Amino acid sequence: MQIAIMGFGNPVRSDDGIGMYVIEQLKNHIGNNDAINIFDMGTAAFEVLFGLKGHQKIILVDAALNTNEPVGTLFKVPAEEVVKAPQEDPLVFLHGMKWDQALSYAKKILQDEYPEDIQVYLIAIENTRLEVGLSEAVKEAGDKVVERILDELKVLEVL
């Protein structure tokens, strides 16, 4: 089984960098593993299309703004719950696309090669100011995501 773990966010926009933090922590814990590919996606979404191919399981980690939940609240949802429908406009501005819309394009393009098992971890945030560093509540939620992903990888017997 090939597993891809992708973290999204902007590390100079405070809590929006949580996906990068989780990826960094996972790289430290997992090291080199032929069954697991860890991607630091930054704010690039369209590249999701290329990272999915050849993987049977995908785990995405990102921040969620305007959730009406306390900062640091953790959500785990199947990707189909958050995927946005593709736009048929051929002039879609690719740099403005988020991963949720990129997934819908990937499903359309990859068809039978699109992975069925895609899970998304979202962490509620409020602070996206131009500053480096995470709030304590968001960092703690990120540490919980790391633990949950590591536990899941052990259950799948790839760690």
N, C-alpha and C. Protein backbone atom coordinates (compact mmCIF):
# COMPACT_ATOMS: atom_id res chain seq x y z
N MET A 1 0.84 -1.18 0.00
CA MET A 1 0.00 0.00 0.00
C MET A 1 0.88 1.24 0.00
N GLN A 2 0.60 2.17 -0.90
CA GLN A 2 1.29 3.45 -0.95
C GLN A 2 0.39 4.51 -0.31
N ILE A 3 0.96 5.27 0.60
CA ILE A 3 0.23 6.30 1.33
C ILE A 3 0.89 7.65 1.09
N ALA A 4 0.09 8.65 0.80
CA ALA A 4 0.58 10.02 0.67
C ALA A 4 0.00 10.86 1.80
N ILE A 5 0.84 11.63 2.45
CA ILE A 5 0.39 12.56 3.48
C ILE A 5 0.79 13.95 3.00
N MET A 6 -0.18 14.85 2.92
CA MET A 6 0.04 16.19 2.37
C MET A 6 -0.37 17.24 3.39
N GLY A 7 0.54 18.15 3.67
CA GLY A 7 0.24 19.26 4.57
C GLY A 7 0.19 20.56 3.80
N PHE A 8 -0.83 21.36 4.08
CA PHE A 8 -1.05 22.63 3.39
C PHE A 8 -0.96 23.79 4.37
N GLY A 9 -0.61 24.95 3.86
CA GLY A 9 -0.62 26.14 4.69
C GLY A 9 0.51 27.08 4.38
N ASN A 10 0.48 28.20 5.06
CA ASN A 10 1.48 29.23 4.87
C ASN A 10 2.16 29.49 6.21
N PRO A 11 3.40 29.05 6.37
CA PRO A 11 4.07 29.16 7.67
C PRO A 11 4.38 30.59 8.12
N VAL A 12 4.20 31.59 7.26
CA VAL A 12 4.41 32.97 7.70
C VAL A 12 3.07 33.67 7.93
N ARG A 13 2.01 32.89 7.99
CA ARG A 13 0.68 33.44 8.31
C ARG A 13 0.16 32.79 9.59
N SER A 14 1.03 32.75 10.59
CA SER A 14 0.71 32.25 11.92
C SER A 14 0.07 30.87 11.86
N ASP A 15 -1.16 30.72 12.39
CA ASP A 15 -1.77 29.41 12.53
C ASP A 15 -2.10 28.73 11.20
N ASP A 16 -2.08 29.48 10.11
CA ASP A 16 -2.30 28.85 8.80
C ASP A 16 -1.18 27.88 8.47
N GLY A 17 -0.06 27.95 9.16
CA GLY A 17 1.07 27.06 8.92
C GLY A 17 0.96 25.70 9.59
N ILE A 18 -0.19 25.38 10.17
CA ILE A 18 -0.32 24.12 10.92
C ILE A 18 -0.08 22.88 10.06
N GLY A 19 -0.49 22.91 8.81
CA GLY A 19 -0.25 21.75 7.95
C GLY A 19 1.23 21.49 7.77
N MET A 20 2.02 22.57 7.67
CA MET A 20 3.46 22.43 7.52
C MET A 20 4.08 21.88 8.80
N TYR A 21 3.57 22.34 9.93
CA TYR A 21 4.07 21.85 11.23
C TYR A 21 3.84 20.34 11.35
N VAL A 22 2.64 19.89 11.02
CA VAL A 22 2.33 18.46 11.11
C VAL A 22 3.25 17.65 10.20
N ILE A 23 3.46 18.13 8.98
CA ILE A 23 4.33 17.43 8.03
C ILE A 23 5.76 17.34 8.58
N GLU A 24 6.25 18.43 9.13
CA GLU A 24 7.60 18.45 9.69
C GLU A 24 7.73 17.43 10.82
N GLN A 25 6.73 17.39 11.70
CA GLN A 25 6.76 16.43 12.81
C GLN A 25 6.71 14.99 12.30
N LEU A 26 5.86 14.74 11.29
CA LEU A 26 5.76 13.38 10.74
C LEU A 26 7.07 12.96 10.08
N LYS A 27 7.71 13.87 9.37
CA LYS A 27 9.01 13.54 8.75
C LYS A 27 10.02 13.13 9.82
N ASN A 28 10.02 13.84 10.96
CA ASN A 28 10.93 13.51 12.05
C ASN A 28 10.64 12.14 12.65
N HIS A 29 9.37 11.77 12.75
CA HIS A 29 8.98 10.49 13.35
C HIS A 29 9.12 9.32 12.38
N ILE A 30 8.82 9.55 11.12
CA ILE A 30 8.75 8.45 10.15
C ILE A 30 10.09 8.23 9.44
N GLY A 31 10.79 9.29 9.12
CA GLY A 31 12.04 9.15 8.37
C GLY A 31 11.77 8.61 6.98
N ASN A 32 12.67 7.79 6.47
CA ASN A 32 12.49 7.19 5.15
C ASN A 32 11.65 5.93 5.26
N ASN A 33 10.59 5.88 4.48
CA ASN A 33 9.70 4.72 4.47
C ASN A 33 9.16 4.59 3.06
N ASP A 34 9.43 3.47 2.41
CA ASP A 34 9.03 3.28 1.02
C ASP A 34 7.52 3.29 0.81
N ALA A 35 6.75 3.03 1.86
CA ALA A 35 5.29 2.97 1.72
C ALA A 35 4.62 4.32 1.95
N ILE A 36 5.38 5.29 2.48
CA ILE A 36 4.78 6.58 2.87
C ILE A 36 5.52 7.72 2.18
N ASN A 37 4.77 8.55 1.47
CA ASN A 37 5.31 9.76 0.85
C ASN A 37 4.72 10.96 1.58
N ILE A 38 5.58 11.82 2.08
CA ILE A 38 5.15 13.00 2.82
C ILE A 38 5.44 14.24 1.97
N PHE A 39 4.38 15.03 1.72
CA PHE A 39 4.49 16.19 0.85
C PHE A 39 4.23 17.48 1.62
N ASP A 40 5.19 18.39 1.54
CA ASP A 40 5.01 19.74 2.06
C ASP A 40 4.42 20.54 0.90
N MET A 41 3.11 20.74 0.92
CA MET A 41 2.40 21.35 -0.21
C MET A 41 2.38 22.87 -0.15
N GLY A 42 2.74 23.47 0.99
CA GLY A 42 2.68 24.91 1.10
C GLY A 42 1.29 25.41 0.75
N THR A 43 1.22 26.38 -0.13
CA THR A 43 -0.08 26.90 -0.56
C THR A 43 -0.44 26.41 -1.95
N ALA A 44 0.36 25.49 -2.50
CA ALA A 44 0.11 24.95 -3.84
C ALA A 44 -1.00 23.91 -3.76
N ALA A 45 -2.02 24.08 -4.57
CA ALA A 45 -3.12 23.12 -4.54
C ALA A 45 -3.17 22.28 -5.81
N PHE A 46 -2.90 22.88 -6.93
CA PHE A 46 -3.06 22.14 -8.18
C PHE A 46 -2.13 20.94 -8.23
N GLU A 47 -0.99 21.01 -7.56
CA GLU A 47 -0.04 19.92 -7.54
C GLU A 47 -0.62 18.67 -6.85
N VAL A 48 -1.73 18.84 -6.14
CA VAL A 48 -2.41 17.69 -5.53
C VAL A 48 -2.70 16.64 -6.59
N LEU A 49 -3.06 17.09 -7.77
CA LEU A 49 -3.40 16.16 -8.86
C LEU A 49 -2.28 15.16 -9.09
N PHE A 50 -1.05 15.63 -9.04
CA PHE A 50 0.08 14.78 -9.36
C PHE A 50 0.54 13.94 -8.17
N GLY A 51 0.26 14.39 -6.97
CA GLY A 51 0.65 13.64 -5.79
C GLY A 51 -0.25 12.47 -5.47
N LEU A 52 -1.45 12.43 -6.03
CA LEU A 52 -2.40 11.38 -5.71
C LEU A 52 -2.14 10.08 -6.47
N LYS A 53 -1.68 10.20 -7.68
CA LYS A 53 -1.53 9.04 -8.55
C LYS A 53 -0.58 8.01 -7.92
N GLY A 54 -1.01 6.76 -7.95
CA GLY A 54 -0.19 5.67 -7.43
C GLY A 54 -0.34 5.42 -5.95
N HIS A 55 -1.17 6.19 -5.26
CA HIS A 55 -1.39 6.00 -3.83
C HIS A 55 -2.78 5.42 -3.60
N GLN A 56 -2.89 4.54 -2.62
CA GLN A 56 -4.19 3.98 -2.27
C GLN A 56 -4.85 4.73 -1.12
N LYS A 57 -4.05 5.43 -0.34
CA LYS A 57 -4.58 6.18 0.79
C LYS A 57 -3.91 7.55 0.81
N ILE A 58 -4.72 8.58 1.03
CA ILE A 58 -4.23 9.96 1.09
C ILE A 58 -4.71 10.57 2.41
N ILE A 59 -3.81 11.28 3.08
CA ILE A 59 -4.17 12.01 4.29
C ILE A 59 -3.77 13.47 4.05
N LEU A 60 -4.73 14.38 4.18
CA LEU A 60 -4.48 15.81 4.01
C LEU A 60 -4.61 16.51 5.36
N VAL A 61 -3.78 17.51 5.59
CA VAL A 61 -3.84 18.29 6.83
C VAL A 61 -3.83 19.77 6.45
N ASP A 62 -4.77 20.53 7.01
CA ASP A 62 -4.84 21.96 6.71
C ASP A 62 -5.55 22.68 7.85
N ALA A 63 -5.47 23.99 7.80
CA ALA A 63 -6.19 24.85 8.74
C ALA A 63 -7.59 25.11 8.20
N ALA A 64 -8.51 25.40 9.10
CA ALA A 64 -9.88 25.76 8.70
C ALA A 64 -10.24 27.06 9.40
N LEU A 65 -10.57 28.05 8.60
CA LEU A 65 -10.91 29.38 9.10
C LEU A 65 -12.43 29.52 9.14
N ASN A 66 -12.94 30.29 10.08
CA ASN A 66 -14.38 30.58 10.19
C ASN A 66 -15.22 29.33 10.43
N THR A 67 -14.80 28.51 11.37
CA THR A 67 -15.56 27.28 11.68
C THR A 67 -16.62 27.49 12.76
N ASN A 68 -16.57 28.61 13.46
CA ASN A 68 -17.43 28.88 14.62
C ASN A 68 -17.17 27.91 15.76
N GLU A 69 -16.01 27.29 15.76
CA GLU A 69 -15.58 26.39 16.84
C GLU A 69 -14.34 27.01 17.49
N PRO A 70 -14.03 26.59 18.72
CA PRO A 70 -12.84 27.14 19.38
C PRO A 70 -11.57 26.85 18.59
N VAL A 71 -10.62 27.77 18.65
CA VAL A 71 -9.33 27.59 18.00
C VAL A 71 -8.72 26.28 18.51
N GLY A 72 -8.20 25.49 17.58
CA GLY A 72 -7.60 24.21 17.94
C GLY A 72 -8.56 23.04 17.83
N THR A 73 -9.83 23.30 17.55
CA THR A 73 -10.78 22.20 17.37
C THR A 73 -10.33 21.38 16.16
N LEU A 74 -10.35 20.08 16.34
CA LEU A 74 -9.86 19.16 15.31
C LEU A 74 -11.03 18.47 14.64
N PHE A 75 -10.99 18.45 13.32
CA PHE A 75 -12.01 17.76 12.53
C PHE A 75 -11.31 16.71 11.67
N LYS A 76 -11.92 15.54 11.54
CA LYS A 76 -11.44 14.54 10.58
C LYS A 76 -12.65 14.15 9.75
N VAL A 77 -12.54 14.36 8.45
CA VAL A 77 -13.67 14.10 7.56
C VAL A 77 -13.19 13.39 6.30
N PRO A 78 -14.06 12.58 5.69
CA PRO A 78 -13.70 12.03 4.38
C PRO A 78 -13.65 13.17 3.36
N ALA A 79 -12.76 13.07 2.40
CA ALA A 79 -12.57 14.15 1.43
C ALA A 79 -13.85 14.52 0.71
N GLU A 80 -14.70 13.55 0.42
CA GLU A 80 -15.91 13.88 -0.34
C GLU A 80 -16.84 14.83 0.41
N GLU A 81 -16.62 14.98 1.72
CA GLU A 81 -17.42 15.92 2.51
C GLU A 81 -17.02 17.38 2.26
N VAL A 82 -15.79 17.60 1.80
CA VAL A 82 -15.30 18.97 1.65
C VAL A 82 -14.87 19.33 0.23
N VAL A 83 -14.97 18.39 -0.70
CA VAL A 83 -14.54 18.65 -2.07
C VAL A 83 -15.51 19.58 -2.77
N LYS A 84 -14.97 20.58 -3.46
CA LYS A 84 -15.80 21.50 -4.24
C LYS A 84 -15.90 21.00 -5.67
N ALA A 85 -17.01 21.24 -6.30
CA ALA A 85 -17.23 20.81 -7.68
C ALA A 85 -16.27 21.53 -8.62
N PRO A 86 -15.80 20.81 -9.65
CA PRO A 86 -14.90 21.47 -10.61
C PRO A 86 -15.65 22.50 -11.43
N GLN A 87 -14.92 23.51 -11.83
CA GLN A 87 -15.49 24.52 -12.72
C GLN A 87 -15.10 24.16 -14.14
N GLU A 88 -16.05 24.25 -15.03
CA GLU A 88 -15.78 23.89 -16.43
C GLU A 88 -15.07 25.01 -17.18
N ASP A 89 -14.86 26.13 -16.54
CA ASP A 89 -14.18 27.26 -17.16
C ASP A 89 -12.71 26.92 -17.42
N PRO A 90 -12.27 26.89 -18.68
CA PRO A 90 -10.87 26.53 -18.96
C PRO A 90 -9.87 27.57 -18.48
N LEU A 91 -10.34 28.72 -18.08
CA LEU A 91 -9.44 29.77 -17.62
C LEU A 91 -9.39 29.87 -16.09
N VAL A 92 -9.74 28.77 -15.41
CA VAL A 92 -9.68 28.78 -13.95
C VAL A 92 -8.29 29.25 -13.53
N PHE A 93 -8.25 30.20 -12.62
CA PHE A 93 -6.99 30.73 -12.14
C PHE A 93 -6.36 29.72 -11.19
N LEU A 94 -5.38 28.96 -11.67
CA LEU A 94 -4.82 27.85 -10.92
C LEU A 94 -4.16 28.26 -9.62
N HIS A 95 -3.57 29.45 -9.56
CA HIS A 95 -2.91 29.85 -8.33
C HIS A 95 -3.91 30.22 -7.23
N GLY A 96 -5.15 30.41 -7.60
CA GLY A 96 -6.17 30.73 -6.61
C GLY A 96 -6.96 29.51 -6.16
N MET A 97 -6.64 28.37 -6.71
CA MET A 97 -7.38 27.14 -6.40
C MET A 97 -6.90 26.57 -5.07
N LYS A 98 -7.83 26.06 -4.28
CA LYS A 98 -7.49 25.39 -3.03
C LYS A 98 -7.52 23.88 -3.26
N TRP A 99 -6.99 23.13 -2.31
CA TRP A 99 -6.89 21.68 -2.49
C TRP A 99 -8.25 21.01 -2.62
N ASP A 100 -9.30 21.57 -1.99
CA ASP A 100 -10.62 20.93 -2.07
C ASP A 100 -11.14 20.93 -3.50
N GLN A 101 -10.88 21.99 -4.24
CA GLN A 101 -11.29 22.02 -5.64
C GLN A 101 -10.33 21.19 -6.50
N ALA A 102 -9.03 21.21 -6.15
CA ALA A 102 -8.05 20.41 -6.90
C ALA A 102 -8.40 18.93 -6.82
N LEU A 103 -8.93 18.48 -5.69
CA LEU A 103 -9.33 17.07 -5.57
C LEU A 103 -10.42 16.72 -6.57
N SER A 104 -11.35 17.63 -6.78
CA SER A 104 -12.43 17.33 -7.73
C SER A 104 -11.88 17.23 -9.15
N TYR A 105 -10.90 18.08 -9.48
CA TYR A 105 -10.26 17.98 -10.79
C TYR A 105 -9.50 16.65 -10.90
N ALA A 106 -8.81 16.28 -9.82
CA ALA A 106 -8.05 15.03 -9.82
C ALA A 106 -8.97 13.84 -10.07
N LYS A 107 -10.14 13.85 -9.44
CA LYS A 107 -11.08 12.74 -9.64
C LYS A 107 -11.52 12.68 -11.10
N LYS A 108 -11.73 13.82 -11.68
CA LYS A 108 -12.16 13.88 -13.08
C LYS A 108 -11.03 13.41 -14.01
N ILE A 109 -9.81 13.81 -13.74
CA ILE A 109 -8.68 13.49 -14.60
C ILE A 109 -8.19 12.06 -14.40
N LEU A 110 -8.03 11.65 -13.14
CA LEU A 110 -7.48 10.32 -12.85
C LEU A 110 -8.49 9.19 -13.04
N GLN A 111 -9.76 9.50 -12.93
CA GLN A 111 -10.85 8.53 -13.09
C GLN A 111 -10.60 7.28 -12.25
N ASP A 112 -10.33 6.12 -12.86
CA ASP A 112 -10.19 4.87 -12.11
C ASP A 112 -8.94 4.83 -11.22
N GLU A 113 -8.00 5.72 -11.48
CA GLU A 113 -6.78 5.75 -10.67
C GLU A 113 -6.91 6.68 -9.46
N TYR A 114 -8.06 7.32 -9.32
CA TYR A 114 -8.29 8.23 -8.20
C TYR A 114 -8.41 7.40 -6.92
N PRO A 115 -7.63 7.71 -5.88
CA PRO A 115 -7.69 6.94 -4.64
C PRO A 115 -9.05 7.08 -3.97
N GLU A 116 -9.57 5.97 -3.49
CA GLU A 116 -10.87 5.98 -2.81
C GLU A 116 -10.77 6.42 -1.36
N ASP A 117 -9.62 6.20 -0.74
CA ASP A 117 -9.47 6.47 0.68
C ASP A 117 -8.71 7.78 0.88
N ILE A 118 -9.45 8.88 0.99
CA ILE A 118 -8.85 10.19 1.23
C ILE A 118 -9.50 10.78 2.48
N GLN A 119 -8.68 11.02 3.50
CA GLN A 119 -9.15 11.60 4.74
C GLN A 119 -8.53 12.98 4.91
N VAL A 120 -9.27 13.87 5.55
CA VAL A 120 -8.82 15.24 5.73
C VAL A 120 -8.88 15.60 7.21
N TYR A 121 -7.76 16.06 7.73
CA TYR A 121 -7.71 16.62 9.08
C TYR A 121 -7.72 18.13 8.94
N LEU A 122 -8.65 18.78 9.60
CA LEU A 122 -8.74 20.23 9.60
C LEU A 122 -8.65 20.73 11.04
N ILE A 123 -7.93 21.80 11.25
CA ILE A 123 -7.78 22.38 12.57
C ILE A 123 -8.30 23.81 12.52
N ALA A 124 -9.23 24.10 13.41
CA ALA A 124 -9.84 25.44 13.46
C ALA A 124 -8.80 26.47 13.88
N ILE A 125 -8.75 27.57 13.11
CA ILE A 125 -7.84 28.67 13.42
C ILE A 125 -8.57 30.00 13.30
N GLU A 126 -7.97 31.04 13.85
CA GLU A 126 -8.46 32.41 13.66
C GLU A 126 -7.34 33.32 13.19
N ASN A 127 -6.12 33.09 13.69
CA ASN A 127 -5.02 34.00 13.43
C ASN A 127 -4.31 33.65 12.12
N THR A 128 -4.41 34.54 11.14
CA THR A 128 -3.66 34.39 9.89
C THR A 128 -2.82 35.64 9.65
N ARG A 129 -2.47 36.35 10.73
CA ARG A 129 -1.62 37.54 10.60
C ARG A 129 -0.25 37.16 10.05
N LEU A 130 0.41 38.11 9.47
CA LEU A 130 1.73 37.91 8.92
C LEU A 130 2.73 37.80 10.06
N GLU A 131 2.93 36.60 10.54
CA GLU A 131 3.89 36.33 11.61
C GLU A 131 4.22 34.84 11.61
N VAL A 132 5.39 34.52 12.11
CA VAL A 132 5.83 33.13 12.17
C VAL A 132 5.51 32.59 13.55
N GLY A 133 4.98 31.37 13.60
CA GLY A 133 4.70 30.73 14.88
C GLY A 133 3.24 30.41 15.03
N LEU A 134 2.98 29.32 15.72
CA LEU A 134 1.61 28.84 15.96
C LEU A 134 1.15 29.21 17.36
N SER A 135 -0.15 29.41 17.51
CA SER A 135 -0.70 29.57 18.85
C SER A 135 -0.61 28.23 19.57
N GLU A 136 -0.62 28.26 20.87
CA GLU A 136 -0.48 27.03 21.65
C GLU A 136 -1.62 26.05 21.37
N ALA A 137 -2.85 26.55 21.26
CA ALA A 137 -4.01 25.67 21.02
C ALA A 137 -3.90 24.97 19.66
N VAL A 138 -3.45 25.68 18.65
CA VAL A 138 -3.32 25.09 17.31
C VAL A 138 -2.16 24.11 17.29
N LYS A 139 -1.06 24.44 17.95
CA LYS A 139 0.09 23.53 18.02
C LYS A 139 -0.32 22.23 18.71
N GLU A 140 -1.06 22.33 19.81
CA GLU A 140 -1.52 21.13 20.52
C GLU A 140 -2.42 20.27 19.63
N ALA A 141 -3.30 20.92 18.88
CA ALA A 141 -4.15 20.17 17.95
C ALA A 141 -3.29 19.50 16.87
N GLY A 142 -2.27 20.19 16.39
CA GLY A 142 -1.35 19.60 15.41
C GLY A 142 -0.65 18.38 15.97
N ASP A 143 -0.23 18.44 17.23
CA ASP A 143 0.41 17.29 17.87
C ASP A 143 -0.56 16.11 17.96
N LYS A 144 -1.83 16.38 18.20
CA LYS A 144 -2.84 15.31 18.23
C LYS A 144 -3.00 14.68 16.85
N VAL A 145 -2.97 15.51 15.80
CA VAL A 145 -3.07 14.99 14.44
C VAL A 145 -1.87 14.08 14.15
N VAL A 146 -0.69 14.50 14.54
CA VAL A 146 0.51 13.68 14.34
C VAL A 146 0.32 12.33 15.02
N GLU A 147 -0.11 12.33 16.28
CA GLU A 147 -0.33 11.07 17.02
C GLU A 147 -1.36 10.19 16.31
N ARG A 148 -2.46 10.78 15.86
CA ARG A 148 -3.51 10.00 15.20
C ARG A 148 -3.01 9.40 13.88
N ILE A 149 -2.27 10.17 13.13
CA ILE A 149 -1.74 9.66 11.86
C ILE A 149 -0.75 8.53 12.12
N LEU A 150 0.15 8.71 13.09
CA LEU A 150 1.11 7.66 13.42
C LEU A 150 0.39 6.39 13.88
N ASP A 151 -0.65 6.55 14.70
CA ASP A 151 -1.43 5.39 15.14
C ASP A 151 -2.08 4.68 13.96
N GLU A 152 -2.63 5.46 13.03
CA GLU A 152 -3.27 4.88 11.85
C GLU A 152 -2.26 4.14 10.99
N LEU A 153 -1.07 4.68 10.84
CA LEU A 153 -0.03 4.03 10.05
C LEU A 153 0.41 2.71 10.69
N LYS A 154 0.42 2.68 12.03
CA LYS A 154 0.76 1.43 12.73
C LYS A 154 -0.33 0.38 12.51
N VAL A 155 -1.59 0.79 12.56
CA VAL A 155 -2.70 -0.15 12.31
C VAL A 155 -2.61 -0.70 10.89
N LEU A 156 -2.20 0.14 9.94
CA LEU A 156 -2.06 -0.30 8.55
C LEU A 156 -0.77 -1.11 8.33
N GLU A 157 0.04 -1.21 9.38
CA GLU A 157 1.28 -1.98 9.37
C GLU A 157 2.29 -1.48 8.34
N VAL A 158 2.36 -0.15 8.20
CA VAL A 158 3.37 0.43 7.33
C VAL A 158 4.46 1.13 8.16
N LEU A 159 4.30 1.15 9.48
CA LEU A 159 5.32 1.68 10.39
C LEU A 159 5.85 0.57 11.26
